Structures are given as C-alpha cells and as structure tokens.
Amino acid sequence: MYPDPFRLGDNVLVMCECWMSDGKPNAYNFRHDAAVVMDAHKSHEFWFGLEQEYTLLDINGWPYGWPKGGFPGPQGPYYCGVGTGKVFCRDIVEAHYKACMYCGIQISGTNAEVMPAQWEYQVGPCLGINLGDQLWMSRFLLHRVAEEFGAKVTFSPKPIPGDWNGAGLHTNVSTKEMREEGGLKVIEAAMEKLAKRHAEHMEVYGEDNQLRMTGLHETAAYDKFTWGVANRGSSVRINRAVAEEGKGYFEDRRPASNADPYQITGIIVETLCGMVEGANMAKKVKEAPPTEGDMVVPISKP
C-alpha cells in the first residue's frame, strides 16, 4: 500500500498479486517466483537499483516536442540538457518525482536522456523484492501524471528507428559479499555465472530488445555477453570507482525499458545463487495463460 498522491488524505494506492481461482499464481505473476528465490537467498542481502528510461509522446504518438512528422536536430545537446528546444515535458518529470516521494518510493534521481523527449529516473537501492514493487508503482504513477498533461508514456526499447538511442532499464546489483573488502573478486565471479546464462537472461529482459541492442548507441550486441570497467558498450559495466575501491556493485545494461523488474531481479539472484524448487525465473511465461472460460467461477444458486 502507498499513500495516494492524487486524492491525498487517508486514501491509498494498493498493488496486488494476481492469483487464479485454483489457488495458483497467474501465469504472468512473476513476483511470486521472484519472492521465492529471494527469500531462499536472503542471507546475501541483495540490493537493487534500476534506471527506468522512457519516452514521452504527444496525443498522436509522436515524441513530444518533435516537429510534426519530422525530426529534431541530431543527438548531442539533449542528454542532461536544459533550456527550451533541448528538453521537453520537464513539468511531467518533476510532478512524477514529487508523486513518488509522496508515496515513499525510493526514487533517487532523474535526468533528460540522449534522445529528445526521452527521460530516465532511478529507483533504489532497495532490498530484494521491494525494488520490483516500487518500480511497478512508479510506472503507474508516471502514466497517471502524464495523463494530467495530455501526454503518453512509452517504455518501448526502440521507439524511433534509425540513429536514435533506445531505452533501457539498467540494473545495478550488489550483495553483502560484494560490498565487503575483496568484493571485486565476488563481482568477477558473478560475471562468469552471468555469461553462462546469457541466453536465458535475454529471454526475459524485455520485448523487442534486439532492436535496441545492436552494439551501437551505448549498447552491447544482443547475442554476446561482455563485461568491462567503465565500458558503456558492454553487457555489464563495472563502475570505475568500484574497480579502484575493490568492492561495490555492478550494472547489468542488457534489460530493456519494458522488462518486468521481478523477472530481472529474480533471474539475477537465481543465476548468482542457484535455482530454488517452486520457482523458475528463466521462463518467459510460466504456463499457458488462462482462457476466458477458465476464469469463470461457478456460483451455486441458493
């Protein structure tokens, strides 16, 4: 439950898991599996911080502020930009930030992105399953705020084809062991584990991610795992300060902006710490989604 930033007072926003009438989690309820995995490995104290990129569109579905049916100047002056013609819809960004703070969401930053009308905000660090909960609610708040301004939100990883940056959900990961002295060795060992399950991770790292991960525009190749220090073109980046201090966190740059945070964080824990009975984070959909008839619950007449 979160305090409602729109109705104020004692009103709350409630996010619920979806379960079926047979007592099983819905096929798309990845929170359940992620929670099982994280609870089994809670001794490692996973911290997650996600960087949510998105693009704001006008009522016709074209990036906000772009010339009608045309394109703005090439990328360059827009990233972390300021000023008319360089950034668009900052009022939406600021209102969303305040709404998240009112809700108690651990939003920790925001910035204009490389493509005009594209923005990013960061949530975290959060412990375990809390990150997925807070990110989903922050997405709801973003849609709700944009509605007030007559704008649309898209989490498409490649909203505009061509020489324009895509949108990702960079995922920062840290365990208790990584944060302690000598943690860099633990991070390096994690790279070997991530490399072995690269294909499984890409399956659940978002729809149409291959359109974004071309090896250009600050991305790695979709089908190849790489890692490096301070390298924006690698699958996983280790911050330069982390390398110098010998401990800290790593940044998985592969997830697409439309990916499910429960699937991302869940499969990372599963890959680094081992699979758990009753959960499989590598499955895109756990089982065939129910048909309309399956969802009808018979009620006996009095």
C-alpha atoms as a PDB file:
ATOM      1  CA  MET A   1       0.000   0.000   0.000  1.00  0.00           C
ATOM      2  CA  TYR A   2       1.168   3.512  -0.840  1.00  0.00           C
ATOM      3  CA  PRO A   3      -0.221   6.906   0.188  1.00  0.00           C
ATOM      4  CA  ASP A   4      -2.259   8.303  -2.724  1.00  0.00           C
ATOM      5  CA  PRO A   5      -0.566  11.479  -4.074  1.00  0.00           C
ATOM      6  CA  PHE A   6      -3.636  12.409  -6.141  1.00  0.00           C
ATOM      7  CA  ARG A   7      -6.530  12.083  -3.681  1.00  0.00           C
ATOM      8  CA  LEU A   8      -4.365  12.818  -0.623  1.00  0.00           C
ATOM      9  CA  GLY A   9      -5.715  12.430   2.909  1.00  0.00           C
ATOM     10  CA  ASP A  10      -6.169   8.844   4.111  1.00  0.00           C
ATOM     11  CA  ASN A  11      -6.500   7.437   0.586  1.00  0.00           C
ATOM     12  CA  VAL A  12      -4.095   4.752  -0.560  1.00  0.00           C
ATOM     13  CA  LEU A  13      -2.970   3.027  -3.752  1.00  0.00           C
ATOM     14  CA  VAL A  14      -2.879  -0.761  -3.467  1.00  0.00           C
ATOM     15  CA  MET A  15      -0.882  -3.076  -5.713  1.00  0.00           C
ATOM     16  CA  CYS A  16      -1.877  -6.729  -5.651  1.00  0.00           C
ATOM     17  CA  GLU A  17      -0.507 -10.011  -6.937  1.00  0.00           C
ATOM     18  CA  CYS A  18      -2.783 -11.852  -9.371  1.00  0.00           C
ATOM     19  CA  TRP A  19      -3.832 -15.416  -8.476  1.00  0.00           C
ATOM     20  CA  MET A  20      -6.219 -17.796 -10.219  1.00  0.00           C
ATOM     21  CA  SER A  21      -9.354 -19.429  -8.853  1.00  0.00           C
ATOM     22  CA  ASP A  22      -7.472 -22.739  -8.467  1.00  0.00           C
ATOM     23  CA  GLY A  23      -5.149 -21.152  -5.893  1.00  0.00           C
ATOM     24  CA  LYS A  24      -2.145 -20.842  -8.207  1.00  0.00           C
ATOM     25  CA  PRO A  25      -0.337 -17.646  -9.248  1.00  0.00           C
ATOM     26  CA  ASN A  26      -1.366 -16.235 -12.619  1.00  0.00           C
ATOM     27  CA  ALA A  27       0.994 -17.156 -15.488  1.00  0.00           C
ATOM     28  CA  TYR A  28       2.249 -13.563 -15.555  1.00  0.00           C
ATOM     29  CA  ASN A  29       2.673 -13.230 -11.781  1.00  0.00           C
ATOM     30  CA  PHE A  30       6.474 -13.192 -11.746  1.00  0.00           C
ATOM     31  CA  ARG A  31       6.529 -11.556  -8.340  1.00  0.00           C
ATOM     32  CA  HIS A  32       5.633 -14.872  -6.719  1.00  0.00           C
ATOM     33  CA  ASP A  33       8.623 -16.714  -8.232  1.00  0.00           C
ATOM     34  CA  ALA A  34      10.993 -13.819  -7.562  1.00  0.00           C
ATOM     35  CA  ALA A  35       9.932 -13.691  -3.914  1.00  0.00           C
ATOM     36  CA  VAL A  36      10.521 -17.453  -3.529  1.00  0.00           C
ATOM     37  CA  VAL A  37      14.035 -17.154  -4.967  1.00  0.00           C
ATOM     38  CA  MET A  38      14.925 -14.062  -2.960  1.00  0.00           C
ATOM     39  CA  ASP A  39      13.658 -15.486   0.300  1.00  0.00           C
ATOM     40  CA  ALA A  40      15.765 -18.611  -0.184  1.00  0.00           C
ATOM     41  CA  HIS A  41      18.889 -16.485  -0.694  1.00  0.00           C
ATOM     42  CA  LYS A  42      18.103 -13.603   1.670  1.00  0.00           C
ATOM     43  CA  SER A  43      21.362 -14.113   3.595  1.00  0.00           C
ATOM     44  CA  HIS A  44      23.194 -12.436   0.676  1.00  0.00           C
ATOM     45  CA  GLU A  45      21.240  -9.191   1.199  1.00  0.00           C
ATOM     46  CA  PHE A  46      20.736  -8.256  -2.450  1.00  0.00           C
ATOM     47  CA  TRP A  47      20.434  -4.542  -3.158  1.00  0.00           C
ATOM     48  CA  PHE A  48      18.975  -3.436  -6.490  1.00  0.00           C
ATOM     49  CA  GLY A  49      18.798  -0.057  -8.181  1.00  0.00           C
ATOM     50  CA  LEU A  50      17.020   0.262 -11.545  1.00  0.00           C
ATOM     51  CA  GLU A  51      17.332   3.103 -14.067  1.00  0.00           C
ATOM     52  CA  GLN A  52      13.986   3.421 -15.853  1.00  0.00           C
ATOM     53  CA  GLU A  53      14.201   5.084 -19.267  1.00  0.00           C
ATOM     54  CA  TYR A  54      11.035   6.113 -21.130  1.00  0.00           C
ATOM     55  CA  THR A  55       9.819   8.371 -23.925  1.00  0.00           C
ATOM     56  CA  LEU A  56       7.005  10.920 -23.754  1.00  0.00           C
ATOM     57  CA  LEU A  57       4.681  11.096 -26.758  1.00  0.00           C
ATOM     58  CA  ASP A  58       2.011  13.549 -27.848  1.00  0.00           C
ATOM     59  CA  ILE A  59      -1.621  12.540 -28.345  1.00  0.00           C
ATOM     60  CA  ASN A  60      -0.784  11.312 -31.864  1.00  0.00           C
ATOM     61  CA  GLY A  61       2.029   9.071 -30.688  1.00  0.00           C
ATOM     62  CA  TRP A  62       4.949  11.189 -31.922  1.00  0.00           C
ATOM     63  CA  PRO A  63       7.733  12.177 -29.460  1.00  0.00           C
ATOM     64  CA  TYR A  64       6.644  15.278 -27.554  1.00  0.00           C
ATOM     65  CA  GLY A  65       8.138  18.495 -28.878  1.00  0.00           C
ATOM     66  CA  TRP A  66       9.371  16.985 -32.144  1.00  0.00           C
ATOM     67  CA  PRO A  67       8.341  18.727 -35.395  1.00  0.00           C
ATOM     68  CA  LYS A  68       5.106  17.213 -36.720  1.00  0.00           C
ATOM     69  CA  GLY A  69       6.074  14.343 -38.986  1.00  0.00           C
ATOM     70  CA  GLY A  70       9.696  15.485 -38.803  1.00  0.00           C
ATOM     71  CA  PHE A  71      12.813  15.206 -36.695  1.00  0.00           C
ATOM     72  CA  PRO A  72      14.752  17.493 -34.367  1.00  0.00           C
ATOM     73  CA  GLY A  73      18.488  18.157 -34.670  1.00  0.00           C
ATOM     74  CA  PRO A  74      20.892  15.215 -34.189  1.00  0.00           C
ATOM     75  CA  GLN A  75      21.573  13.811 -30.741  1.00  0.00           C
ATOM     76  CA  GLY A  76      24.173  15.625 -28.697  1.00  0.00           C
ATOM     77  CA  PRO A  77      22.739  18.591 -26.760  1.00  0.00           C
ATOM     78  CA  TYR A  78      19.816  16.759 -25.153  1.00  0.00           C
ATOM     79  CA  TYR A  79      21.423  14.432 -22.578  1.00  0.00           C
ATOM     80  CA  CYS A  80      21.086  16.026 -19.125  1.00  0.00           C
ATOM     81  CA  GLY A  81      20.160  19.146 -21.076  1.00  0.00           C
ATOM     82  CA  VAL A  82      18.462  22.344 -20.002  1.00  0.00           C
ATOM     83  CA  GLY A  83      16.633  25.021 -21.947  1.00  0.00           C
ATOM     84  CA  THR A  84      13.861  25.388 -24.498  1.00  0.00           C
ATOM     85  CA  GLY A  85      14.404  23.231 -27.554  1.00  0.00           C
ATOM     86  CA  LYS A  86      16.743  20.929 -25.652  1.00  0.00           C
ATOM     87  CA  VAL A  87      14.323  19.309 -23.190  1.00  0.00           C
ATOM     88  CA  PHE A  88      10.591  18.685 -23.290  1.00  0.00           C
ATOM     89  CA  CYS A  89       7.977  17.989 -20.591  1.00  0.00           C
ATOM     90  CA  ARG A  90      10.121  18.695 -17.545  1.00  0.00           C
ATOM     91  CA  ASP A  91       6.916  19.581 -15.692  1.00  0.00           C
ATOM     92  CA  ILE A  92       5.783  15.945 -16.062  1.00  0.00           C
ATOM     93  CA  VAL A  93       9.130  14.704 -14.789  1.00  0.00           C
ATOM     94  CA  GLU A  94       9.054  16.971 -11.741  1.00  0.00           C
ATOM     95  CA  ALA A  95       5.428  16.129 -10.898  1.00  0.00           C
ATOM     96  CA  HIS A  96       6.194  12.405 -11.180  1.00  0.00           C
ATOM     97  CA  TYR A  97       9.208  12.814  -8.894  1.00  0.00           C
ATOM     98  CA  LYS A  98       7.082  14.519  -6.245  1.00  0.00           C
ATOM     99  CA  ALA A  99       4.364  11.859  -6.548  1.00  0.00           C
ATOM    100  CA  CYS A 100       6.941   9.113  -5.984  1.00  0.00           C
ATOM    101  CA  MET A 101       8.343  10.899  -2.937  1.00  0.00           C
ATOM    102  CA  TYR A 102       4.844  11.318  -1.502  1.00  0.00           C
ATOM    103  CA  CYS A 103       4.292   7.564  -1.918  1.00  0.00           C
ATOM    104  CA  GLY A 104       7.509   6.687  -0.131  1.00  0.00           C
ATOM    105  CA  ILE A 105       9.083   5.228  -3.265  1.00  0.00           C
ATOM    106  CA  GLN A 106      12.877   5.325  -3.057  1.00  0.00           C
ATOM    107  CA  ILE A 107      13.311   7.425  -6.199  1.00  0.00           C
ATOM    108  CA  SER A 108      16.895   8.633  -6.208  1.00  0.00           C
ATOM    109  CA  GLY A 109      17.407  10.725  -9.326  1.00  0.00           C
ATOM    110  CA  THR A 110      16.218  11.801 -12.742  1.00  0.00           C
ATOM    111  CA  ASN A 111      17.772  13.126 -15.948  1.00  0.00           C
ATOM    112  CA  ALA A 112      16.985  14.016 -19.545  1.00  0.00           C
ATOM    113  CA  GLU A 113      18.225  11.271 -21.868  1.00  0.00           C
ATOM    114  CA  VAL A 114      20.145  11.199 -25.159  1.00  0.00           C
ATOM    115  CA  MET A 115      17.091  11.283 -27.437  1.00  0.00           C
ATOM    116  CA  PRO A 116      14.884  14.392 -27.065  1.00  0.00           C
ATOM    117  CA  ALA A 117      11.603  13.683 -25.194  1.00  0.00           C
ATOM    118  CA  GLN A 118      13.312  10.702 -23.575  1.00  0.00           C
ATOM    119  CA  TRP A 119      13.879  10.713 -19.820  1.00  0.00           C
ATOM    120  CA  GLU A 120      15.161   8.488 -17.042  1.00  0.00           C
ATOM    121  CA  TYR A 121      14.536   8.139 -13.337  1.00  0.00           C
ATOM    122  CA  GLN A 122      16.235   5.865 -10.852  1.00  0.00           C
ATOM    123  CA  VAL A 123      14.670   3.797  -8.084  1.00  0.00           C
ATOM    124  CA  GLY A 124      16.820   2.292  -5.364  1.00  0.00           C
ATOM    125  CA  PRO A 125      18.853   0.962  -3.830  1.00  0.00           C
ATOM    126  CA  CYS A 126      16.123  -1.299  -2.468  1.00  0.00           C
ATOM    127  CA  LEU A 127      16.415  -4.594  -0.638  1.00  0.00           C
ATOM    128  CA  GLY A 128      15.231  -7.664  -2.558  1.00  0.00           C
ATOM    129  CA  ILE A 129      11.617  -7.797  -3.731  1.00  0.00           C
ATOM    130  CA  ASN A 130      10.976  -4.168  -2.687  1.00  0.00           C
ATOM    131  CA  LEU A 131      12.598  -2.918  -5.879  1.00  0.00           C
ATOM    132  CA  GLY A 132      10.082  -4.657  -8.141  1.00  0.00           C
ATOM    133  CA  ASP A 133       7.168  -3.405  -6.053  1.00  0.00           C
ATOM    134  CA  GLN A 134       8.352   0.180  -6.082  1.00  0.00           C
ATOM    135  CA  LEU A 135       9.264   0.254  -9.765  1.00  0.00           C
ATOM    136  CA  TRP A 136       5.858  -1.085 -10.855  1.00  0.00           C
ATOM    137  CA  MET A 137       4.108   1.522  -8.724  1.00  0.00           C
ATOM    138  CA  SER A 138       6.382   4.270 -10.071  1.00  0.00           C
ATOM    139  CA  ARG A 139       5.383   3.268 -13.618  1.00  0.00           C
ATOM    140  CA  PHE A 140       1.712   3.562 -12.704  1.00  0.00           C
ATOM    141  CA  LEU A 141       2.364   7.000 -11.242  1.00  0.00           C
ATOM    142  CA  LEU A 142       4.179   8.091 -14.406  1.00  0.00           C
ATOM    143  CA  HIS A 143       1.228   7.135 -16.628  1.00  0.00           C
ATOM    144  CA  ARG A 144      -1.163   8.816 -14.204  1.00  0.00           C
ATOM    145  CA  VAL A 145       0.825  12.066 -14.072  1.00  0.00           C
ATOM    146  CA  ALA A 146       1.333  12.179 -17.853  1.00  0.00           C
ATOM    147  CA  GLU A 147      -2.426  11.803 -18.267  1.00  0.00           C
ATOM    148  CA  GLU A 148      -2.884  15.138 -16.456  1.00  0.00           C
ATOM    149  CA  PHE A 149      -0.701  16.831 -19.087  1.00  0.00           C
ATOM    150  CA  GLY A 150      -2.189  15.130 -22.164  1.00  0.00           C
ATOM    151  CA  ALA A 151       0.967  13.134 -22.841  1.00  0.00           C
ATOM    152  CA  LYS A 152       1.534   9.428 -23.390  1.00  0.00           C
ATOM    153  CA  VAL A 153       4.310   7.273 -21.951  1.00  0.00           C
ATOM    154  CA  THR A 154       6.028   4.510 -23.880  1.00  0.00           C
ATOM    155  CA  PHE A 155       8.530   2.038 -22.460  1.00  0.00           C
ATOM    156  CA  SER A 156       9.388   0.760 -25.938  1.00  0.00           C
ATOM    157  CA  PRO A 157      13.117  -0.088 -26.095  1.00  0.00           C
ATOM    158  CA  LYS A 158      13.396   1.424 -29.599  1.00  0.00           C
ATOM    159  CA  PRO A 159      10.538   3.906 -30.092  1.00  0.00           C
ATOM    160  CA  ILE A 160      12.143   5.612 -33.106  1.00  0.00           C
ATOM    161  CA  PRO A 161      14.100   3.527 -35.646  1.00  0.00           C
ATOM    162  CA  GLY A 162      17.391   4.763 -37.019  1.00  0.00           C
ATOM    163  CA  ASP A 163      20.171   6.823 -35.471  1.00  0.00           C
ATOM    164  CA  TRP A 164      18.372   7.445 -32.188  1.00  0.00           C
ATOM    165  CA  ASN A 165      19.134   5.962 -28.774  1.00  0.00           C
ATOM    166  CA  GLY A 166      16.879   3.227 -27.472  1.00  0.00           C
ATOM    167  CA  ALA A 167      15.579   2.945 -23.915  1.00  0.00           C
ATOM    168  CA  GLY A 168      16.835   0.523 -21.286  1.00  0.00           C
ATOM    169  CA  LEU A 169      16.350  -0.485 -17.683  1.00  0.00           C
ATOM    170  CA  HIS A 170      19.937  -0.625 -16.448  1.00  0.00           C
ATOM    171  CA  THR A 171      20.058  -2.776 -13.335  1.00  0.00           C
ATOM    172  CA  ASN A 172      22.551  -2.151 -10.537  1.00  0.00           C
ATOM    173  CA  VAL A 173      23.237  -5.169  -8.332  1.00  0.00           C
ATOM    174  CA  SER A 174      25.075  -5.577  -5.051  1.00  0.00           C
ATOM    175  CA  THR A 175      25.279  -8.321  -2.423  1.00  0.00           C
ATOM    176  CA  LYS A 176      26.641  -8.185   1.093  1.00  0.00           C
ATOM    177  CA  GLU A 177      29.739 -10.036  -0.109  1.00  0.00           C
ATOM    178  CA  MET A 178      30.289  -7.556  -2.967  1.00  0.00           C
ATOM    179  CA  ARG A 179      30.108  -4.611  -0.568  1.00  0.00           C
ATOM    180  CA  GLU A 180      32.729  -6.045   1.802  1.00  0.00           C
ATOM    181  CA  GLU A 181      36.511  -5.866   1.414  1.00  0.00           C
ATOM    182  CA  GLY A 182      37.604  -8.007  -1.520  1.00  0.00           C
ATOM    183  CA  GLY A 183      34.156  -7.723  -3.071  1.00  0.00           C
ATOM    184  CA  LEU A 184      35.578  -7.183  -6.547  1.00  0.00           C
ATOM    185  CA  LYS A 185      36.556 -10.854  -6.666  1.00  0.00           C
ATOM    186  CA  VAL A 186      32.926 -11.752  -5.940  1.00  0.00           C
ATOM    187  CA  ILE A 187      31.781  -9.413  -8.733  1.00  0.00           C
ATOM    188  CA  GLU A 188      34.243 -11.006 -11.173  1.00  0.00           C
ATOM    189  CA  ALA A 189      32.967 -14.467 -10.231  1.00  0.00           C
ATOM    190  CA  ALA A 190      29.428 -13.222 -10.874  1.00  0.00           C
ATOM    191  CA  MET A 191      30.440 -12.259 -14.417  1.00  0.00           C
ATOM    192  CA  GLU A 192      31.318 -15.900 -15.185  1.00  0.00           C
ATOM    193  CA  LYS A 193      27.925 -17.055 -13.945  1.00  0.00           C
ATOM    194  CA  LEU A 194      26.068 -14.386 -15.919  1.00  0.00           C
ATOM    195  CA  ALA A 195      27.962 -15.298 -19.096  1.00  0.00           C
ATOM    196  CA  LYS A 196      26.839 -18.940 -18.870  1.00  0.00           C
ATOM    197  CA  ARG A 197      23.139 -17.974 -18.760  1.00  0.00           C
ATOM    198  CA  HIS A 198      23.205 -15.033 -21.171  1.00  0.00           C
ATOM    199  CA  ALA A 199      20.556 -16.546 -23.482  1.00  0.00           C
ATOM    200  CA  GLU A 200      18.155 -17.249 -20.594  1.00  0.00           C
ATOM    201  CA  HIS A 201      18.526 -13.692 -19.314  1.00  0.00           C
ATOM    202  CA  MET A 202      17.869 -12.170 -22.728  1.00  0.00           C
ATOM    203  CA  GLU A 203      14.643 -14.182 -22.990  1.00  0.00           C
ATOM    204  CA  VAL A 204      13.186 -12.323 -20.003  1.00  0.00           C
ATOM    205  CA  TYR A 205      14.923  -8.961 -20.375  1.00  0.00           C
ATOM    206  CA  GLY A 206      12.118  -7.332 -22.369  1.00  0.00           C
ATOM    207  CA  GLU A 207      10.218  -7.459 -25.653  1.00  0.00           C
ATOM    208  CA  ASP A 208      11.909  -6.246 -28.864  1.00  0.00           C
ATOM    209  CA  ASN A 209      15.193  -5.786 -27.016  1.00  0.00           C
ATOM    210  CA  GLN A 210      17.111  -6.954 -30.093  1.00  0.00           C
ATOM    211  CA  LEU A 211      16.023  -3.718 -31.829  1.00  0.00           C
ATOM    212  CA  ARG A 212      17.865  -1.750 -29.154  1.00  0.00           C
ATOM    213  CA  MET A 213      20.907  -3.965 -28.520  1.00  0.00           C
ATOM    214  CA  THR A 214      22.728  -3.582 -31.812  1.00  0.00           C
ATOM    215  CA  GLY A 215      26.172  -2.813 -30.425  1.00  0.00           C
ATOM    216  CA  LEU A 216      25.578   0.875 -31.236  1.00  0.00           C
ATOM    217  CA  HIS A 217      24.120   3.748 -29.201  1.00  0.00           C
ATOM    218  CA  GLU A 218      25.777   2.665 -25.938  1.00  0.00           C
ATOM    219  CA  THR A 219      24.620  -0.959 -26.106  1.00  0.00           C
ATOM    220  CA  ALA A 220      26.293  -4.345 -26.388  1.00  0.00           C
ATOM    221  CA  ALA A 221      25.426  -6.967 -29.001  1.00  0.00           C
ATOM    222  CA  TYR A 222      22.211  -8.852 -28.235  1.00  0.00           C
ATOM    223  CA  ASP A 223      23.693 -12.351 -28.622  1.00  0.00           C
ATOM    224  CA  LYS A 224      27.090 -11.915 -26.972  1.00  0.00           C
ATOM    225  CA  PHE A 225      27.993 -11.408 -23.287  1.00  0.00           C
ATOM    226  CA  THR A 226      30.760  -8.954 -22.448  1.00  0.00           C
ATOM    227  CA  TRP A 227      31.822  -7.061 -19.360  1.00  0.00           C
ATOM    228  CA  GLY A 228      34.333  -4.341 -18.589  1.00  0.00           C
ATOM    229  CA  VAL A 229      35.296  -1.442 -16.360  1.00  0.00           C
ATOM    230  CA  ALA A 230      33.683   1.903 -17.272  1.00  0.00           C
ATOM    231  CA  ASN A 231      32.536   0.485 -20.618  1.00  0.00           C
ATOM    232  CA  ARG A 232      29.094   1.626 -21.764  1.00  0.00           C
ATOM    233  CA  GLY A 233      29.282  -0.717 -24.740  1.00  0.00           C
ATOM    234  CA  SER A 234      29.473  -3.898 -22.673  1.00  0.00           C
ATOM    235  CA  SER A 235      26.659  -6.148 -21.427  1.00  0.00           C
ATOM    236  CA  VAL A 236      27.699  -5.488 -17.841  1.00  0.00           C
ATOM    237  CA  ARG A 237      29.653  -2.461 -16.671  1.00  0.00           C
ATOM    238  CA  ILE A 238      31.730  -2.237 -13.517  1.00  0.00           C
ATOM    239  CA  ASN A 239      31.960   1.332 -12.277  1.00  0.00           C
ATOM    240  CA  ARG A 240      35.488   2.767 -12.306  1.00  0.00           C
ATOM    241  CA  ALA A 241      35.243   3.723  -8.634  1.00  0.00           C
ATOM    242  CA  VAL A 242      34.219   0.140  -7.795  1.00  0.00           C
ATOM    243  CA  ALA A 243      37.289  -1.195  -9.596  1.00  0.00           C
ATOM    244  CA  GLU A 244      39.514   1.252  -7.735  1.00  0.00           C
ATOM    245  CA  GLU A 245      37.979   0.576  -4.311  1.00  0.00           C
ATOM    246  CA  GLY A 246      37.828  -3.178  -4.896  1.00  0.00           C
ATOM    247  CA  LYS A 247      34.198  -3.537  -3.797  1.00  0.00           C
ATOM    248  CA  GLY A 248      30.677  -2.335  -4.511  1.00  0.00           C
ATOM    249  CA  TYR A 249      28.239  -3.263  -7.283  1.00  0.00           C
ATOM    250  CA  PHE A 250      27.860  -3.985 -10.998  1.00  0.00           C
ATOM    251  CA  GLU A 251      25.500  -2.609 -13.647  1.00  0.00           C
ATOM    252  CA  ASP A 252      23.670  -5.010 -15.968  1.00  0.00           C
ATOM    253  CA  ARG A 253      22.990  -2.870 -19.052  1.00  0.00           C
ATOM    254  CA  ARG A 254      21.071  -5.542 -21.003  1.00  0.00           C
ATOM    255  CA  PRO A 255      17.458  -5.201 -19.752  1.00  0.00           C
ATOM    256  CA  ALA A 256      15.043  -3.282 -21.993  1.00  0.00           C
ATOM    257  CA  SER A 257      12.947  -0.417 -20.657  1.00  0.00           C
ATOM    258  CA  ASN A 258       9.764  -2.537 -20.887  1.00  0.00           C
ATOM    259  CA  ALA A 259      11.139  -5.512 -18.933  1.00  0.00           C
ATOM    260  CA  ASP A 260       9.466  -6.841 -15.780  1.00  0.00           C
ATOM    261  CA  PRO A 261      11.608  -5.837 -12.766  1.00  0.00           C
ATOM    262  CA  TYR A 262      10.579  -9.020 -10.943  1.00  0.00           C
ATOM    263  CA  GLN A 263      11.942 -11.145 -13.792  1.00  0.00           C
ATOM    264  CA  ILE A 264      15.167  -9.130 -13.984  1.00  0.00           C
ATOM    265  CA  THR A 265      15.985  -9.171 -10.283  1.00  0.00           C
ATOM    266  CA  GLY A 266      14.691 -12.713  -9.809  1.00  0.00           C
ATOM    267  CA  ILE A 267      16.812 -14.291 -12.556  1.00  0.00           C
ATOM    268  CA  ILE A 268      19.906 -12.413 -11.374  1.00  0.00           C
ATOM    269  CA  VAL A 269      19.522 -13.871  -7.878  1.00  0.00           C
ATOM    270  CA  GLU A 270      18.790 -17.293  -9.381  1.00  0.00           C
ATOM    271  CA  THR A 271      21.867 -17.172 -11.640  1.00  0.00           C
ATOM    272  CA  LEU A 272      24.250 -15.969  -8.940  1.00  0.00           C
ATOM    273  CA  CYS A 273      22.971 -18.105  -6.075  1.00  0.00           C
ATOM    274  CA  GLY A 274      21.188 -21.140  -7.564  1.00  0.00           C
ATOM    275  CA  MET A 275      17.725 -22.290  -8.585  1.00  0.00           C
ATOM    276  CA  VAL A 276      15.026 -22.882  -5.983  1.00  0.00           C
ATOM    277  CA  GLU A 277      12.302 -25.508  -6.102  1.00  0.00           C
ATOM    278  CA  GLY A 278       8.935 -23.988  -6.928  1.00  0.00           C
ATOM    279  CA  ALA A 279      10.364 -21.122  -8.997  1.00  0.00           C
ATOM    280  CA  ASN A 280      11.867 -20.757 -12.457  1.00  0.00           C
ATOM    281  CA  MET A 281      12.796 -17.211 -13.408  1.00  0.00           C
ATOM    282  CA  ALA A 282      14.072 -18.183 -16.868  1.00  0.00           C
ATOM    283  CA  LYS A 283      10.588 -18.920 -18.217  1.00  0.00           C
ATOM    284  CA  LYS A 284       9.014 -16.104 -20.185  1.00  0.00           C
ATOM    285  CA  VAL A 285       5.527 -17.287 -19.227  1.00  0.00           C
ATOM    286  CA  LYS A 286       5.241 -19.986 -16.589  1.00  0.00           C
ATOM    287  CA  GLU A 287       2.340 -21.768 -18.295  1.00  0.00           C
ATOM    288  CA  ALA A 288      -0.298 -21.090 -20.919  1.00  0.00           C
ATOM    289  CA  PRO A 289      -2.348 -18.039 -19.924  1.00  0.00           C
ATOM    290  CA  PRO A 290      -5.922 -18.880 -18.922  1.00  0.00           C
ATOM    291  CA  THR A 291      -8.750 -18.556 -21.408  1.00  0.00           C
ATOM    292  CA  GLU A 292     -11.832 -16.529 -20.576  1.00  0.00           C
ATOM    293  CA  GLY A 293     -13.701 -19.745 -19.755  1.00  0.00           C
ATOM    294  CA  ASP A 294     -11.034 -20.788 -17.256  1.00  0.00           C
ATOM    295  CA  MET A 295     -11.626 -17.627 -15.287  1.00  0.00           C
ATOM    296  CA  VAL A 296     -15.350 -18.168 -14.727  1.00  0.00           C
ATOM    297  CA  VAL A 297     -16.011 -19.202 -11.155  1.00  0.00           C
ATOM    298  CA  PRO A 298     -19.287 -21.176 -10.792  1.00  0.00           C
ATOM    299  CA  ILE A 299     -21.587 -19.916  -8.068  1.00  0.00           C
ATOM    300  CA  SER A 300     -24.298 -22.260  -6.791  1.00  0.00           C
ATOM    301  CA  LYS A 301     -27.824 -20.845  -6.628  1.00  0.00           C
ATOM    302  CA  PRO A 302     -29.462 -20.616  -3.184  1.00  0.00           C
END
